[in-house]
C-alpha atoms as a PDB file:
ATOM      1  CA  UNK A   1     108.643 101.908 133.125  1.00  0.00           C
ATOM      2  CA  UNK A   2     104.852 102.017 132.982  1.00  0.00           C
ATOM      3  CA  UNK A   3     102.509 101.101 135.787  1.00  0.00           C
ATOM      4  CA  UNK A   4     100.489  97.918 135.260  1.00  0.00           C
ATOM      5  CA  UNK A   5      97.231  99.866 135.318  1.00  0.00           C
ATOM      6  CA  UNK A   6      98.487 101.973 132.375  1.00  0.00           C
ATOM      7  CA  UNK A   7      99.429  98.990 130.225  1.00  0.00           C
ATOM      8  CA  UNK A   8      97.323  97.994 127.251  1.00  0.00           C
ATOM      9  CA  UNK A   9      95.766  94.563 127.083  1.00  0.00           C
ATOM     10  CA  UNK A  10      98.029  91.660 126.319  1.00  0.00           C
ATOM     11  CA  UNK A  11      97.321  88.883 123.845  1.00  0.00           C
ATOM     12  CA  UNK A  12      98.058  85.182 124.056  1.00  0.00           C
ATOM     13  CA  UNK A  13      98.690  83.462 120.742  1.00  0.00           C
ATOM     14  CA  UNK A  14      98.097  79.703 120.893  1.00  0.00           C
ATOM     15  CA  UNK A  15      99.947  77.636 118.304  1.00  0.00           C
ATOM     16  CA  UNK A  16     100.741  74.000 117.570  1.00  0.00           C
ATOM     17  CA  UNK A  17     104.008  72.648 116.179  1.00  0.00           C
ATOM     18  CA  UNK A  18     105.273  69.332 114.837  1.00  0.00           C
ATOM     19  CA  UNK A  19     107.912  69.166 117.602  1.00  0.00           C
ATOM     20  CA  UNK A  20     109.466  71.105 120.474  1.00  0.00           C
ATOM     21  CA  UNK A  21     112.629  71.961 118.530  1.00  0.00           C
ATOM     22  CA  UNK A  22     110.712  73.777 115.786  1.00  0.00           C
ATOM     23  CA  UNK A  23     108.568  75.572 118.343  1.00  0.00           C
ATOM     24  CA  UNK A  24     111.660  76.667 120.270  1.00  0.00           C
ATOM     25  CA  UNK A  25     113.447  77.930 117.167  1.00  0.00           C
ATOM     26  CA  UNK A  26     110.540  80.166 116.171  1.00  0.00           C
ATOM     27  CA  UNK A  27     109.832  81.190 119.778  1.00  0.00           C
ATOM     28  CA  UNK A  28     113.437  82.259 120.322  1.00  0.00           C
ATOM     29  CA  UNK A  29     113.417  84.287 117.093  1.00  0.00           C
ATOM     30  CA  UNK A  30     110.130  85.985 118.043  1.00  0.00           C
ATOM     31  CA  UNK A  31     111.517  86.989 121.451  1.00  0.00           C
ATOM     32  CA  UNK A  32     114.756  88.213 119.849  1.00  0.00           C
ATOM     33  CA  UNK A  33     112.700  90.340 117.425  1.00  0.00           C
ATOM     34  CA  UNK A  34     110.742  91.739 120.413  1.00  0.00           C
ATOM     35  CA  UNK A  35     107.467  90.515 118.898  1.00  0.00           C
ATOM     36  CA  UNK A  36     106.609  88.890 122.214  1.00  0.00           C
ATOM     37  CA  UNK A  37     107.838  88.876 125.792  1.00  0.00           C
ATOM     38  CA  UNK A  38     107.959  85.121 126.265  1.00  0.00           C
ATOM     39  CA  UNK A  39     106.715  81.792 124.981  1.00  0.00           C
ATOM     40  CA  UNK A  40     105.615  78.760 126.974  1.00  0.00           C
ATOM     41  CA  UNK A  41     106.302  75.518 125.109  1.00  0.00           C
ATOM     42  CA  UNK A  42     104.090  72.771 126.469  1.00  0.00           C
ATOM     43  CA  UNK A  43     104.733  69.032 126.408  1.00  0.00           C
ATOM     44  CA  UNK A  44     103.689  67.014 123.431  1.00  0.00           C
ATOM     45  CA  UNK A  45      99.996  66.270 123.057  1.00  0.00           C
ATOM     46  CA  UNK A  46      97.846  64.423 120.584  1.00  0.00           C
ATOM     47  CA  UNK A  47      95.739  66.266 118.003  1.00  0.00           C
ATOM     48  CA  UNK A  48      92.767  64.735 116.202  1.00  0.00           C
ATOM     49  CA  UNK A  49      91.566  66.736 113.202  1.00  0.00           C
ATOM     50  CA  UNK A  50      89.851  66.575 109.848  1.00  0.00           C
ATOM     51  CA  UNK A  51      92.183  67.084 106.887  1.00  0.00           C
ATOM     52  CA  UNK A  52      90.983  66.603 103.340  1.00  0.00           C
ATOM     53  CA  UNK A  53      88.607  63.663 103.246  1.00  0.00           C
ATOM     54  CA  UNK A  54      89.818  61.945 106.392  1.00  0.00           C
ATOM     55  CA  UNK A  55      90.381  62.148 110.095  1.00  0.00           C
ATOM     56  CA  UNK A  56      94.028  62.489 111.084  1.00  0.00           C
ATOM     57  CA  UNK A  57      95.910  62.101 114.364  1.00  0.00           C
ATOM     58  CA  UNK A  58      99.322  63.548 115.113  1.00  0.00           C
ATOM     59  CA  UNK A  59     101.643  64.298 117.999  1.00  0.00           C
ATOM     60  CA  UNK A  60     102.045  68.052 118.367  1.00  0.00           C
ATOM     61  CA  UNK A  61     103.747  70.506 120.689  1.00  0.00           C
ATOM     62  CA  UNK A  62     101.753  73.526 121.862  1.00  0.00           C
ATOM     63  CA  UNK A  63     103.129  76.994 122.474  1.00  0.00           C
ATOM     64  CA  UNK A  64     101.656  80.136 124.046  1.00  0.00           C
ATOM     65  CA  UNK A  65     103.195  83.407 122.892  1.00  0.00           C
ATOM     66  CA  UNK A  66     102.638  86.414 125.212  1.00  0.00           C
ATOM     67  CA  UNK A  67     102.574  89.837 123.578  1.00  0.00           C
ATOM     68  CA  UNK A  68     100.636  93.095 123.464  1.00  0.00           C
ATOM     69  CA  UNK A  69      97.457  93.510 121.460  1.00  0.00           C
ATOM     70  CA  UNK A  70      99.344  96.092 119.366  1.00  0.00           C
ATOM     71  CA  UNK A  71     101.995  93.493 118.395  1.00  0.00           C
ATOM     72  CA  UNK A  72      99.635  90.512 117.931  1.00  0.00           C
ATOM     73  CA  UNK A  73      99.141  90.909 114.159  1.00  0.00           C
ATOM     74  CA  UNK A  74     102.882  91.266 113.508  1.00  0.00           C
ATOM     75  CA  UNK A  75     103.586  88.255 115.718  1.00  0.00           C
ATOM     76  CA  UNK A  76     100.910  86.188 113.968  1.00  0.00           C
ATOM     77  CA  UNK A  77     102.382  87.038 110.548  1.00  0.00           C
ATOM     78  CA  UNK A  78     105.864  86.105 111.825  1.00  0.00           C
ATOM     79  CA  UNK A  79     104.656  82.754 113.161  1.00  0.00           C
ATOM     80  CA  UNK A  80     102.822  81.931 109.930  1.00  0.00           C
ATOM     81  CA  UNK A  81     105.829  82.913 107.779  1.00  0.00           C
ATOM     82  CA  UNK A  82     108.143  80.691 109.843  1.00  0.00           C
ATOM     83  CA  UNK A  83     105.813  77.736 110.388  1.00  0.00           C
ATOM     84  CA  UNK A  84     106.295  74.418 108.564  1.00  0.00           C
ATOM     85  CA  UNK A  85     102.562  73.617 108.261  1.00  0.00           C
ATOM     86  CA  UNK A  86     100.520  74.590 105.186  1.00  0.00           C
ATOM     87  CA  UNK A  87      97.774  75.867 107.494  1.00  0.00           C
ATOM     88  CA  UNK A  88      99.280  76.628 110.902  1.00  0.00           C
ATOM     89  CA  UNK A  89      96.986  77.018 113.896  1.00  0.00           C
ATOM     90  CA  UNK A  90      97.483  80.528 115.252  1.00  0.00           C
ATOM     91  CA  UNK A  91      94.711  81.667 117.579  1.00  0.00           C
ATOM     92  CA  UNK A  92      94.979  85.045 119.300  1.00  0.00           C
ATOM     93  CA  UNK A  93      93.076  85.807 122.483  1.00  0.00           C
ATOM     94  CA  UNK A  94      93.150  89.309 123.966  1.00  0.00           C
ATOM     95  CA  UNK A  95      93.149  89.187 127.740  1.00  0.00           C
ATOM     96  CA  UNK A  96      91.539  91.574 130.168  1.00  0.00           C
ATOM     97  CA  UNK A  97      93.850  93.400 132.528  1.00  0.00           C
ATOM     98  CA  UNK A  98      91.332  92.827 135.338  1.00  0.00           C
ATOM     99  CA  UNK A  99      92.742  90.243 137.704  1.00  0.00           C
ATOM    100  CA  UNK A 100      96.123  90.206 135.974  1.00  0.00           C
ATOM    101  CA  UNK A 101      99.404  90.941 137.700  1.00  0.00           C
ATOM    102  CA  UNK A 102     100.182  94.632 137.038  1.00  0.00           C
ATOM    103  CA  UNK A 103     103.928  93.961 137.158  1.00  0.00           C
ATOM    104  CA  UNK A 104     103.569  91.138 134.631  1.00  0.00           C
ATOM    105  CA  UNK A 105     101.498  93.308 132.270  1.00  0.00           C
ATOM    106  CA  UNK A 106     104.167  95.992 132.468  1.00  0.00           C
ATOM    107  CA  UNK A 107     106.916  93.470 131.795  1.00  0.00           C
ATOM    108  CA  UNK A 108     105.114  92.063 128.705  1.00  0.00           C
ATOM    109  CA  UNK A 109     104.496  95.551 127.323  1.00  0.00           C
ATOM    110  CA  UNK A 110     108.122  96.567 127.909  1.00  0.00           C
ATOM    111  CA  UNK A 111     109.530  93.398 126.290  1.00  0.00           C
ATOM    112  CA  UNK A 112     107.182  93.216 123.279  1.00  0.00           C
ATOM    113  CA  UNK A 113     108.085  96.694 122.137  1.00  0.00           C
ATOM    114  CA  UNK A 114     110.382  97.583 119.229  1.00  0.00           C
ATOM    115  CA  UNK A 115     113.600  99.259 120.282  1.00  0.00           C
ATOM    116  CA  UNK A 116     113.860 102.928 119.212  1.00  0.00           C
END
């Protein structure tokens, strides 16, 4: 096991989903594939957005996928390929290790790592 100070940066991928069930299905598959360590599925919110020529409003579920920077592109591609929206929101934010829990960083890196 690595020390937290030796772990690369982690990335948080923010996504929105039409419902919690769809978010959970994709989240579970991403964790099973070791593309991420965990996913937080947040209660339903309301999104207001421009689509085509109008302003739309929809109930959406948000999810935060936690992974390593090295796995972020593969995770993003997986989310997009398994998402029901034509243009899914997938926003990746690399986090600084400064101020982060070293044990948590180590855990994320160990979980979001392909098995040999």
